Amino acid sequence: MSVQSEYAKAGVNYQDIEPFKRAMMEMGKKTLLFPRNRKVKVYVGKHGAVFFYFGDRTHRWSSTQEGLGNKNWISEWMYQFAGTGRTHYEGIGIDTALMAVNDLIAQGAMPVLYTDEVAAGDSEWFKDEKRAKDLAISFYKVCALVGMALPAGESPSLRYLIKAEPPVKSAPSLSGCAIGIIAPWSRTIENRARAGDIIIGVASSGLHANGISLVIKRALTLPDAFLTKLANGNTLGDEALIPTMSYVALVEELLEQEVEIHALVPGTGSGVSKVAFDKRPFTYSIRSWLEVPLIFLFMLELGVSLRDCLTTFNWGVGYYIFVPCREVDKAISIGGSLGYTLAEIGIVKEGERKVIFHPAGGMVLSPPGE
């Protein structure tokens, strides 16, 4: 009969954490060869990852650190209350990694390595082997999808720092760092839009991982909360947990085909306002739009104002591509051949820094942070 140590009683029990660590390590080993297609070798050292480029192109490295935010709180709610037998973590690793990766590629860097942190408020959270396996598999899927390795990570129990909001009993904070290579280095995207640039929108897969707090707030006012049925038959919880779209294959092919790109902007925080990412005085005239996902229309039904929706959610566009007019048809054709949905949605003009969203009657949206 084992005696629990005082450290375990204080909230850090390595025996509880071990099943999770084991699942993640076993998964990570299977990803180590994925970066070879980009001429990068990765192996696990004694205290982390070692990696190097073995190609013959000039190159640079880029890194992006991002956290998932609150999305897996919905997974925990569904696991606790939906009664499906599923952990609802099947896409959470994808969401977590793509928060960093979709930002990383905006520099023209292709992902080759990712390190994660899963920080829970108690050691007991890690004991659930089914949930650990689902999360590990989702990380494997995203690594295979975008061509990167996950050779190392961290899984602390932070009893005095992390506490889930009721009615969820426990939910970890998920984050990580993506490292990418720009090869040749001339593919670096400087992200400087120009007057006259055409804005191409690329469809999202739904909510992605931004605006989650607002969705949670509204869902908890409903009698069935996340089990509320939407018009397509899905529950609100399942619709919210649709995994984030990866834009790696699209950006990589645009670079391979030498499309002239002036800027790439992930459609993340600040919603449609994110188009005005550049601090210079440009007016972004949005003249048309893509299909709006059902979950956003449902937020409107719940009383969220259209302005709040447009400045919180991606509203159906997960990525913006800024190109000169002569490159529009080529870019849209390349994206379509890869299965993405792209459309010309607007133009960059000289003028006051703002977004004019004509599909909403010319509503003016302030730039992010203003």
Foldseek 3Di string as FASTA:
>chain_A
DDDDDVVQVVFFDVVLQVLLVVLQQVLQVVLQCLQVVVQKGWDADPPGIDMDHDDDFAKDKDKFKDWLPCLCVLLLVCCVPVPPVASLLQQVLLLQVQVTQVVGCQFVFQWAEKEKEWEKLGSNVNNPNRNSNSNSVNNSVNCNVRRYGHNYYYYYHNNPPDADDPPRGMGTIMIMMTMGMRGNVVSGAPADFDAQWFKKFWFKLAQRRWPVVVLQVLLVVDPVRQQPAFPVGHGNSVRSSDHTDHCNVLSVVCVVVPADFNGKFFQHAQAQLSVLVDPDFKEKEFADDDDFDRSLVVVVVSPDDPLNSRGTGNRTTGMMTIHHPVRVVVSQVSCVVVPIHMDGTTGIHGHGRWYQHVVVVRDIGHHPPD
